Amino acid sequence: MLYKFKSKNAGDLIMLEPHGRHILEVIGKDPDGPGIILPEQMLPAIAALDAAIKLEESADVDADPAHGDAPGLRQRAMPFIDMLRRNQAAGTDVVWGT
């Protein structure tokens, strides 16, 4: 399954199910079914993602490199964060579906 994020001010963003689900859970959105992120929800969503990235990276410093070179949350979330920033500045929504 895939998540497809769409907006007026950024290109479509497609994520594999586990990664899209994780990002939606981090920002407090229900990952089941379609949804919307309103402009006023975008700055708190970005802050939540930044905090989760910092937490993951601090945990990785203390752990053995079990995942090798697998992309972390930072690499997976940055295109989404960029989408949120563009749409927050323009005052437009981000929507998604599966």
PDB file of N, CA and C in Angstrom:
ATOM      1  N   MET A   1       0.843  -1.168   0.000  1.00  0.00           N
ATOM      2  CA  MET A   1       0.000   0.000   0.000  1.00  0.00           C
ATOM      3  C   MET A   1       0.898   1.244   0.000  1.00  0.00           C
ATOM      4  N   LEU A   2       0.393   2.295  -0.591  1.00  0.00           N
ATOM      5  CA  LEU A   2       1.111   3.559  -0.677  1.00  0.00           C
ATOM      6  C   LEU A   2       0.258   4.678  -0.085  1.00  0.00           C
ATOM      7  N   TYR A   3       0.923   5.711   0.401  1.00  0.00           N
ATOM      8  CA  TYR A   3       0.266   6.960   0.770  1.00  0.00           C
ATOM      9  C   TYR A   3       0.620   7.981  -0.298  1.00  0.00           C
ATOM     10  N   LYS A   4      -0.382   8.736  -0.740  1.00  0.00           N
ATOM     11  CA  LYS A   4      -0.152   9.792  -1.715  1.00  0.00           C
ATOM     12  C   LYS A   4      -0.591  11.112  -1.089  1.00  0.00           C
ATOM     13  N   PHE A   5       0.381  12.009  -0.898  1.00  0.00           N
ATOM     14  CA  PHE A   5       0.131  13.324  -0.333  1.00  0.00           C
ATOM     15  C   PHE A   5       0.059  14.318  -1.486  1.00  0.00           C
ATOM     16  N   LYS A   6      -0.987  15.174  -1.466  1.00  0.00           N
ATOM     17  CA  LYS A   6      -1.202  16.119  -2.556  1.00  0.00           C
ATOM     18  C   LYS A   6      -1.437  17.511  -1.981  1.00  0.00           C
ATOM     19  N   SER A   7      -1.002  18.513  -2.752  1.00  0.00           N
ATOM     20  CA  SER A   7      -1.244  19.888  -2.367  1.00  0.00           C
ATOM     21  C   SER A   7      -1.162  20.778  -3.607  1.00  0.00           C
ATOM     22  N   LYS A   8      -1.572  22.023  -3.434  1.00  0.00           N
ATOM     23  CA  LYS A   8      -1.528  22.972  -4.548  1.00  0.00           C
ATOM     24  C   LYS A   8      -0.144  23.581  -4.744  1.00  0.00           C
ATOM     25  N   ASN A   9       0.698  23.541  -3.713  1.00  0.00           N
ATOM     26  CA  ASN A   9       1.962  24.278  -3.773  1.00  0.00           C
ATOM     27  C   ASN A   9       3.199  23.406  -3.720  1.00  0.00           C
ATOM     28  N   ALA A  10       3.034  22.120  -3.972  1.00  0.00           N
ATOM     29  CA  ALA A  10       4.174  21.197  -4.033  1.00  0.00           C
ATOM     30  C   ALA A  10       3.753  20.018  -4.898  1.00  0.00           C
ATOM     31  N   GLY A  11       4.724  19.329  -5.453  1.00  0.00           N
ATOM     32  CA  GLY A  11       4.421  18.137  -6.233  1.00  0.00           C
ATOM     33  C   GLY A  11       3.880  17.030  -5.331  1.00  0.00           C
ATOM     34  N   ASP A  12       3.189  16.085  -5.929  1.00  0.00           N
ATOM     35  CA  ASP A  12       2.688  14.947  -5.157  1.00  0.00           C
ATOM     36  C   ASP A  12       3.847  14.207  -4.508  1.00  0.00           C
ATOM     37  N   LEU A  13       3.588  13.675  -3.337  1.00  0.00           N
ATOM     38  CA  LEU A  13       4.595  12.931  -2.592  1.00  0.00           C
ATOM     39  C   LEU A  13       4.019  11.554  -2.299  1.00  0.00           C
ATOM     40  N   ILE A  14       4.724  10.519  -2.721  1.00  0.00           N
ATOM     41  CA  ILE A  14       4.264   9.146  -2.529  1.00  0.00           C
ATOM     42  C   ILE A  14       5.220   8.443  -1.579  1.00  0.00           C
ATOM     43  N   MET A  15       4.639   7.773  -0.571  1.00  0.00           N
ATOM     44  CA  MET A  15       5.440   7.036   0.413  1.00  0.00           C
ATOM     45  C   MET A  15       4.904   5.623   0.561  1.00  0.00           C
ATOM     46  N   LEU A  16       5.823   4.708   0.820  1.00  0.00           N
ATOM     47  CA  LEU A  16       5.411   3.357   1.162  1.00  0.00           C
ATOM     48  C   LEU A  16       4.615   3.391   2.460  1.00  0.00           C
ATOM     49  N   GLU A  17       3.738   2.439   2.646  1.00  0.00           N
ATOM     50  CA  GLU A  17       2.816   2.412   3.781  1.00  0.00           C
ATOM     51  C   GLU A  17       3.495   2.561   5.136  1.00  0.00           C
ATOM     52  N   PRO A  18       4.547   1.803   5.459  1.00  0.00           N
ATOM     53  CA  PRO A  18       5.107   1.932   6.810  1.00  0.00           C
ATOM     54  C   PRO A  18       5.670   3.322   7.098  1.00  0.00           C
ATOM     55  N   HIS A  19       6.239   3.956   6.079  1.00  0.00           N
ATOM     56  CA  HIS A  19       6.851   5.269   6.277  1.00  0.00           C
ATOM     57  C   HIS A  19       5.789   6.368   6.370  1.00  0.00           C
ATOM     58  N   GLY A  20       4.805   6.312   5.497  1.00  0.00           N
ATOM     59  CA  GLY A  20       3.714   7.276   5.559  1.00  0.00           C
ATOM     60  C   GLY A  20       2.920   7.148   6.848  1.00  0.00           C
ATOM     61  N   ARG A  21       2.661   5.926   7.264  1.00  0.00           N
ATOM     62  CA  ARG A  21       1.938   5.680   8.524  1.00  0.00           C
ATOM     63  C   ARG A  21       2.725   6.262   9.699  1.00  0.00           C
ATOM     64  N   HIS A  22       4.020   6.015   9.733  1.00  0.00           N
ATOM     65  CA  HIS A  22       4.853   6.522  10.829  1.00  0.00           C
ATOM     66  C   HIS A  22       4.813   8.045  10.882  1.00  0.00           C
ATOM     67  N   ILE A  23       4.965   8.698   9.754  1.00  0.00           N
ATOM     68  CA  ILE A  23       4.947  10.164   9.718  1.00  0.00           C
ATOM     69  C   ILE A  23       3.592  10.696  10.182  1.00  0.00           C
ATOM     70  N   LEU A  24       2.508  10.094   9.724  1.00  0.00           N
ATOM     71  CA  LEU A  24       1.179  10.550  10.149  1.00  0.00           C
ATOM     72  C   LEU A  24       0.967  10.334  11.645  1.00  0.00           C
ATOM     73  N   GLU A  25       1.454   9.221  12.174  1.00  0.00           N
ATOM     74  CA  GLU A  25       1.328   8.974  13.606  1.00  0.00           C
ATOM     75  C   GLU A  25       2.138   9.994  14.411  1.00  0.00           C
ATOM     76  N   VAL A  26       3.333  10.337  13.928  1.00  0.00           N
ATOM     77  CA  VAL A  26       4.172  11.322  14.619  1.00  0.00           C
ATOM     78  C   VAL A  26       3.457  12.671  14.708  1.00  0.00           C
ATOM     79  N   ILE A  27       2.754  13.064  13.652  1.00  0.00           N
ATOM     80  CA  ILE A  27       2.094  14.370  13.666  1.00  0.00           C
ATOM     81  C   ILE A  27       0.676  14.307  14.240  1.00  0.00           C
ATOM     82  N   GLY A  28       0.272  13.141  14.729  1.00  0.00           N
ATOM     83  CA  GLY A  28      -1.015  13.020  15.401  1.00  0.00           C
ATOM     84  C   GLY A  28      -2.210  12.884  14.488  1.00  0.00           C
ATOM     85  N   LYS A  29      -1.991  12.402  13.284  1.00  0.00           N
ATOM     86  CA  LYS A  29      -3.082  12.191  12.336  1.00  0.00           C
ATOM     87  C   LYS A  29      -3.400  10.709  12.221  1.00  0.00           C
ATOM     88  N   ASP A  30      -4.666  10.404  11.958  1.00  0.00           N
ATOM     89  CA  ASP A  30      -5.103   9.020  11.778  1.00  0.00           C
ATOM     90  C   ASP A  30      -4.609   8.525  10.418  1.00  0.00           C
ATOM     91  N   PRO A  31      -3.742   7.514  10.403  1.00  0.00           N
ATOM     92  CA  PRO A  31      -3.197   7.049   9.127  1.00  0.00           C
ATOM     93  C   PRO A  31      -4.158   6.178   8.313  1.00  0.00           C
ATOM     94  N   ASP A  32      -5.310   5.822   8.889  1.00  0.00           N
ATOM     95  CA  ASP A  32      -6.266   4.968   8.186  1.00  0.00           C
ATOM     96  C   ASP A  32      -7.209   5.823   7.362  1.00  0.00           C
ATOM     97  N   GLY A  33      -7.141   5.653   6.071  1.00  0.00           N
ATOM     98  CA  GLY A  33      -8.020   6.373   5.180  1.00  0.00           C
ATOM     99  C   GLY A  33      -7.500   7.744   4.810  1.00  0.00           C
ATOM    100  N   PRO A  34      -8.285   8.515   4.044  1.00  0.00           N
ATOM    101  CA  PRO A  34      -7.849   9.842   3.616  1.00  0.00           C
ATOM    102  C   PRO A  34      -7.898  10.835   4.773  1.00  0.00           C
ATOM    103  N   GLY A  35      -7.163  11.938   4.605  1.00  0.00           N
ATOM    104  CA  GLY A  35      -7.150  12.967   5.630  1.00  0.00           C
ATOM    105  C   GLY A  35      -6.670  14.290   5.083  1.00  0.00           C
ATOM    106  N   ILE A  36      -6.608  15.272   5.988  1.00  0.00           N
ATOM    107  CA  ILE A  36      -6.222  16.625   5.603  1.00  0.00           C
ATOM    108  C   ILE A  36      -5.378  17.240   6.717  1.00  0.00           C
ATOM    109  N   ILE A  37      -4.425  18.040   6.313  1.00  0.00           N
ATOM    110  CA  ILE A  37      -3.643  18.838   7.247  1.00  0.00           C
ATOM    111  C   ILE A  37      -3.910  20.294   6.875  1.00  0.00           C
ATOM    112  N   LEU A  38      -4.490  21.028   7.801  1.00  0.00           N
ATOM    113  CA  LEU A  38      -4.818  22.429   7.584  1.00  0.00           C
ATOM    114  C   LEU A  38      -3.579  23.293   7.815  1.00  0.00           C
ATOM    115  N   PRO A  39      -3.523  24.467   7.200  1.00  0.00           N
ATOM    116  CA  PRO A  39      -2.344  25.323   7.358  1.00  0.00           C
ATOM    117  C   PRO A  39      -1.979  25.592   8.818  1.00  0.00           C
ATOM    118  N   GLU A  40      -2.968  25.782   9.686  1.00  0.00           N
ATOM    119  CA  GLU A  40      -2.675  26.066  11.090  1.00  0.00           C
ATOM    120  C   GLU A  40      -2.142  24.845  11.850  1.00  0.00           C
ATOM    121  N   GLN A  41      -2.249  23.660  11.256  1.00  0.00           N
ATOM    122  CA  GLN A  41      -1.723  22.437  11.864  1.00  0.00           C
ATOM    123  C   GLN A  41      -0.304  22.119  11.394  1.00  0.00           C
ATOM    124  N   MET A  42       0.185  22.859  10.423  1.00  0.00           N
ATOM    125  CA  MET A  42       1.453  22.498   9.793  1.00  0.00           C
ATOM    126  C   MET A  42       2.675  22.818  10.650  1.00  0.00           C
ATOM    127  N   LEU A  43       2.719  23.974  11.301  1.00  0.00           N
ATOM    128  CA  LEU A  43       3.869  24.279  12.149  1.00  0.00           C
ATOM    129  C   LEU A  43       3.983  23.302  13.321  1.00  0.00           C
ATOM    130  N   PRO A  44       2.880  22.962  14.022  1.00  0.00           N
ATOM    131  CA  PRO A  44       2.998  21.927  15.055  1.00  0.00           C
ATOM    132  C   PRO A  44       3.415  20.565  14.486  1.00  0.00           C
ATOM    133  N   ALA A  45       2.971  20.241  13.271  1.00  0.00           N
ATOM    134  CA  ALA A  45       3.372  18.975  12.645  1.00  0.00           C
ATOM    135  C   ALA A  45       4.865  18.968  12.357  1.00  0.00           C
ATOM    136  N   ILE A  46       5.387  20.087  11.859  1.00  0.00           N
ATOM    137  CA  ILE A  46       6.824  20.191  11.586  1.00  0.00           C
ATOM    138  C   ILE A  46       7.611  20.056  12.887  1.00  0.00           C
ATOM    139  N   ALA A  47       7.134  20.708  13.946  1.00  0.00           N
ATOM    140  CA  ALA A  47       7.811  20.622  15.245  1.00  0.00           C
ATOM    141  C   ALA A  47       7.812  19.187  15.766  1.00  0.00           C
ATOM    142  N   ALA A  48       6.702  18.475  15.600  1.00  0.00           N
ATOM    143  CA  ALA A  48       6.632  17.081  16.046  1.00  0.00           C
ATOM    144  C   ALA A  48       7.597  16.205  15.259  1.00  0.00           C
ATOM    145  N   LEU A  49       7.690  16.428  13.962  1.00  0.00           N
ATOM    146  CA  LEU A  49       8.628  15.658  13.143  1.00  0.00           C
ATOM    147  C   LEU A  49      10.068  15.974  13.510  1.00  0.00           C
ATOM    148  N   ASP A  50      10.370  17.256  13.731  1.00  0.00           N
ATOM    149  CA  ASP A  50      11.730  17.633  14.153  1.00  0.00           C
ATOM    150  C   ASP A  50      12.108  16.948  15.463  1.00  0.00           C
ATOM    151  N   ALA A  51      11.177  16.917  16.419  1.00  0.00           N
ATOM    152  CA  ALA A  51      11.445  16.266  17.709  1.00  0.00           C
ATOM    153  C   ALA A  51      11.664  14.765  17.533  1.00  0.00           C
ATOM    154  N   ALA A  52      10.855  14.126  16.683  1.00  0.00           N
ATOM    155  CA  ALA A  52      11.005  12.684  16.439  1.00  0.00           C
ATOM    156  C   ALA A  52      12.330  12.382  15.742  1.00  0.00           C
ATOM    157  N   ILE A  53      12.740  13.257  14.830  1.00  0.00           N
ATOM    158  CA  ILE A  53      14.025  13.076  14.147  1.00  0.00           C
ATOM    159  C   ILE A  53      15.167  13.169  15.149  1.00  0.00           C
ATOM    160  N   LYS A  54      15.129  14.180  16.011  1.00  0.00           N
ATOM    161  CA  LYS A  54      16.182  14.346  17.026  1.00  0.00           C
ATOM    162  C   LYS A  54      16.226  13.149  17.968  1.00  0.00           C
ATOM    163  N   LEU A  55      15.056  12.655  18.360  1.00  0.00           N
ATOM    164  CA  LEU A  55      14.997  11.491  19.241  1.00  0.00           C
ATOM    165  C   LEU A  55      15.590  10.262  18.568  1.00  0.00           C
ATOM    166  N   GLU A  56      15.234  10.030  17.306  1.00  0.00           N
ATOM    167  CA  GLU A  56      15.774   8.892  16.566  1.00  0.00           C
ATOM    168  C   GLU A  56      17.285   9.004  16.415  1.00  0.00           C
ATOM    169  N   GLU A  57      17.757  10.183  16.086  1.00  0.00           N
ATOM    170  CA  GLU A  57      19.194  10.363  15.877  1.00  0.00           C
ATOM    171  C   GLU A  57      19.979  10.240  17.172  1.00  0.00           C
ATOM    172  N   SER A  58      19.419  10.682  18.283  1.00  0.00           N
ATOM    173  CA  SER A  58      20.120  10.527  19.562  1.00  0.00           C
ATOM    174  C   SER A  58      20.126   9.066  19.987  1.00  0.00           C
ATOM    175  N   ALA A  59      19.082   8.324  19.662  1.00  0.00           N
ATOM    176  CA  ALA A  59      19.051   6.885  19.975  1.00  0.00           C
ATOM    177  C   ALA A  59      20.035   6.126  19.105  1.00  0.00           C
ATOM    178  N   ASP A  60      20.204   6.553  17.845  1.00  0.00           N
ATOM    179  CA  ASP A  60      21.137   5.886  16.937  1.00  0.00           C
ATOM    180  C   ASP A  60      22.585   6.058  17.375  1.00  0.00           C
ATOM    181  N   VAL A  61      22.896   7.172  18.012  1.00  0.00           N
ATOM    182  CA  VAL A  61      24.258   7.418  18.482  1.00  0.00           C
ATOM    183  C   VAL A  61      24.633   6.409  19.563  1.00  0.00           C
ATOM    184  N   ASP A  62      23.642   6.043  20.387  1.00  0.00           N
ATOM    185  CA  ASP A  62      23.889   5.133  21.508  1.00  0.00           C
ATOM    186  C   ASP A  62      23.780   3.663  21.128  1.00  0.00           C
ATOM    187  N   ALA A  63      23.261   3.376  19.938  1.00  0.00           N
ATOM    188  CA  ALA A  63      23.011   1.982  19.548  1.00  0.00           C
ATOM    189  C   ALA A  63      24.051   1.501  18.538  1.00  0.00           C
ATOM    190  N   ASP A  64      24.089   0.194  18.366  1.00  0.00           N
ATOM    191  CA  ASP A  64      24.922  -0.386  17.320  1.00  0.00           C
ATOM    192  C   ASP A  64      24.279  -0.101  15.964  1.00  0.00           C
ATOM    193  N   PRO A  65      25.054  -0.009  14.897  1.00  0.00           N
ATOM    194  CA  PRO A  65      24.489   0.281  13.568  1.00  0.00           C
ATOM    195  C   PRO A  65      23.768  -0.937  12.983  1.00  0.00           C
ATOM    196  N   ALA A  66      22.608  -1.255  13.532  1.00  0.00           N
ATOM    197  CA  ALA A  66      21.865  -2.441  13.129  1.00  0.00           C
ATOM    198  C   ALA A  66      21.238  -2.300  11.746  1.00  0.00           C
ATOM    199  N   HIS A  67      20.958  -1.068  11.334  1.00  0.00           N
ATOM    200  CA  HIS A  67      20.267  -0.863  10.064  1.00  0.00           C
ATOM    201  C   HIS A  67      21.221  -0.512   8.928  1.00  0.00           C
ATOM    202  N   GLY A  68      22.482  -0.473   9.198  1.00  0.00           N
ATOM    203  CA  GLY A  68      23.440  -0.149   8.143  1.00  0.00           C
ATOM    204  C   GLY A  68      23.203   1.236   7.584  1.00  0.00           C
ATOM    205  N   ASP A  69      23.050   1.330   6.277  1.00  0.00           N
ATOM    206  CA  ASP A  69      22.858   2.614   5.618  1.00  0.00           C
ATOM    207  C   ASP A  69      21.396   2.890   5.288  1.00  0.00           C
ATOM    208  N   ALA A  70      20.462   2.224   5.953  1.00  0.00           N
ATOM    209  CA  ALA A  70      19.045   2.446   5.684  1.00  0.00           C
ATOM    210  C   ALA A  70      18.677   3.892   6.022  1.00  0.00           C
ATOM    211  N   PRO A  71      17.873   4.530   5.170  1.00  0.00           N
ATOM    212  CA  PRO A  71      17.478   5.910   5.451  1.00  0.00           C
ATOM    213  C   PRO A  71      16.696   6.001   6.755  1.00  0.00           C
ATOM    214  N   GLY A  72      16.963   7.040   7.505  1.00  0.00           N
ATOM    215  CA  GLY A  72      16.252   7.274   8.748  1.00  0.00           C
ATOM    216  C   GLY A  72      15.070   8.198   8.535  1.00  0.00           C
ATOM    217  N   LEU A  73      14.457   8.570   9.648  1.00  0.00           N
ATOM    218  CA  LEU A  73      13.293   9.439   9.587  1.00  0.00           C
ATOM    219  C   LEU A  73      13.626  10.777   8.930  1.00  0.00           C
ATOM    220  N   ARG A  74      14.807  11.321   9.191  1.00  0.00           N
ATOM    221  CA  ARG A  74      15.176  12.611   8.592  1.00  0.00           C
ATOM    222  C   ARG A  74      15.074  12.544   7.064  1.00  0.00           C
ATOM    223  N   GLN A  75      15.655  11.516   6.459  1.00  0.00           N
ATOM    224  CA  GLN A  75      15.642  11.415   4.998  1.00  0.00           C
ATOM    225  C   GLN A  75      14.230  11.185   4.469  1.00  0.00           C
ATOM    226  N   ARG A  76      13.443  10.436   5.202  1.00  0.00           N
ATOM    227  CA  ARG A  76      12.085  10.151   4.736  1.00  0.00           C
ATOM    228  C   ARG A  76      11.146  11.333   4.952  1.00  0.00           C
ATOM    229  N   ALA A  77      11.380  12.115   6.007  1.00  0.00           N
ATOM    230  CA  ALA A  77      10.450  13.186   6.367  1.00  0.00           C
ATOM    231  C   ALA A  77      10.759  14.521   5.695  1.00  0.00           C
ATOM    232  N   MET A  78      11.990  14.753   5.265  1.00  0.00           N
ATOM    233  CA  MET A  78      12.342  16.072   4.725  1.00  0.00           C
ATOM    234  C   MET A  78      11.482  16.502   3.531  1.00  0.00           C
ATOM    235  N   PRO A  79      11.180  15.640   2.563  1.00  0.00           N
ATOM    236  CA  PRO A  79      10.292  16.083   1.478  1.00  0.00           C
ATOM    237  C   PRO A  79       8.898  16.450   1.996  1.00  0.00           C
ATOM    238  N   PHE A  80       8.433  15.719   3.005  1.00  0.00           N
ATOM    239  CA  PHE A  80       7.123  16.002   3.598  1.00  0.00           C
ATOM    240  C   PHE A  80       7.160  17.332   4.356  1.00  0.00           C
ATOM    241  N   ILE A  81       8.227  17.567   5.110  1.00  0.00           N
ATOM    242  CA  ILE A  81       8.376  18.828   5.833  1.00  0.00           C
ATOM    243  C   ILE A  81       8.430  19.995   4.848  1.00  0.00           C
ATOM    244  N   ASP A  82       9.138  19.818   3.741  1.00  0.00           N
ATOM    245  CA  ASP A  82       9.186  20.862   2.708  1.00  0.00           C
ATOM    246  C   ASP A  82       7.786  21.131   2.161  1.00  0.00           C
ATOM    247  N   MET A  83       7.023  20.081   1.926  1.00  0.00           N
ATOM    248  CA  MET A  83       5.648  20.228   1.446  1.00  0.00           C
ATOM    249  C   MET A  83       4.819  21.021   2.461  1.00  0.00           C
ATOM    250  N   LEU A  84       4.967  20.682   3.741  1.00  0.00           N
ATOM    251  CA  LEU A  84       4.220  21.396   4.770  1.00  0.00           C
ATOM    252  C   LEU A  84       4.618  22.871   4.821  1.00  0.00           C
ATOM    253  N   ARG A  85       5.899  23.156   4.748  1.00  0.00           N
ATOM    254  CA  ARG A  85       6.369  24.551   4.802  1.00  0.00           C
ATOM    255  C   ARG A  85       5.821  25.375   3.635  1.00  0.00           C
ATOM    256  N   ARG A  86       5.867  24.817   2.440  1.00  0.00           N
ATOM    257  CA  ARG A  86       5.369  25.528   1.260  1.00  0.00           C
ATOM    258  C   ARG A  86       3.879  25.834   1.386  1.00  0.00           C
ATOM    259  N   ASN A  87       3.134  24.843   1.838  1.00  0.00           N
ATOM    260  CA  ASN A  87       1.689  25.015   1.918  1.00  0.00           C
ATOM    261  C   ASN A  87       1.276  25.870   3.111  1.00  0.00           C
ATOM    262  N   GLN A  88       2.027  25.813   4.190  1.00  0.00           N
ATOM    263  CA  GLN A  88       1.733  26.680   5.329  1.00  0.00           C
ATOM    264  C   GLN A  88       1.931  28.137   4.922  1.00  0.00           C
ATOM    265  N   ALA A  89       3.014  28.409   4.206  1.00  0.00           N
ATOM    266  CA  ALA A  89       3.290  29.782   3.758  1.00  0.00           C
ATOM    267  C   ALA A  89       2.211  30.287   2.796  1.00  0.00           C
ATOM    268  N   ALA A  90       1.675  29.386   1.994  1.00  0.00           N
ATOM    269  CA  ALA A  90       0.649  29.763   1.008  1.00  0.00           C
ATOM    270  C   ALA A  90      -0.759  29.692   1.579  1.00  0.00           C
ATOM    271  N   GLY A  91      -0.911  29.092   2.763  1.00  0.00           N
ATOM    272  CA  GLY A  91      -2.240  28.974   3.366  1.00  0.00           C
ATOM    273  C   GLY A  91      -3.115  27.923   2.712  1.00  0.00           C
ATOM    274  N   THR A  92      -2.488  26.868   2.178  1.00  0.00           N
ATOM    275  CA  THR A  92      -3.254  25.811   1.517  1.00  0.00           C
ATOM    276  C   THR A  92      -3.083  24.474   2.253  1.00  0.00           C
ATOM    277  N   ASP A  93      -4.050  23.590   2.055  1.00  0.00           N
ATOM    278  CA  ASP A  93      -4.091  22.299   2.730  1.00  0.00           C
ATOM    279  C   ASP A  93      -3.190  21.280   2.055  1.00  0.00           C
ATOM    280  N   VAL A  94      -2.842  20.235   2.825  1.00  0.00           N
ATOM    281  CA  VAL A  94      -2.229  19.018   2.292  1.00  0.00           C
ATOM    282  C   VAL A  94      -3.234  17.904   2.569  1.00  0.00           C
ATOM    283  N   VAL A  95      -3.522  17.121   1.557  1.00  0.00           N
ATOM    284  CA  VAL A  95      -4.449  15.991   1.713  1.00  0.00           C
ATOM    285  C   VAL A  95      -3.727  14.703   1.372  1.00  0.00           C
ATOM    286  N   TRP A  96      -4.251  13.595   1.870  1.00  0.00           N
ATOM    287  CA  TRP A  96      -3.665  12.304   1.532  1.00  0.00           C
ATOM    288  C   TRP A  96      -4.727  11.240   1.451  1.00  0.00           C
ATOM    289  N   GLY A  97      -4.360  10.196   0.762  1.00  0.00           N
ATOM    290  CA  GLY A  97      -5.168   8.998   0.648  1.00  0.00           C
ATOM    291  C   GLY A  97      -4.251   7.814   0.450  1.00  0.00           C
ATOM    292  N   THR A  98      -4.840   6.636   0.486  1.00  0.00           N
ATOM    293  CA  THR A  98      -4.053   5.421   0.305  1.00  0.00           C
ATOM    294  C   THR A  98      -4.406   4.772  -1.011  1.00  0.00           C
TER     295      THR A  98
END
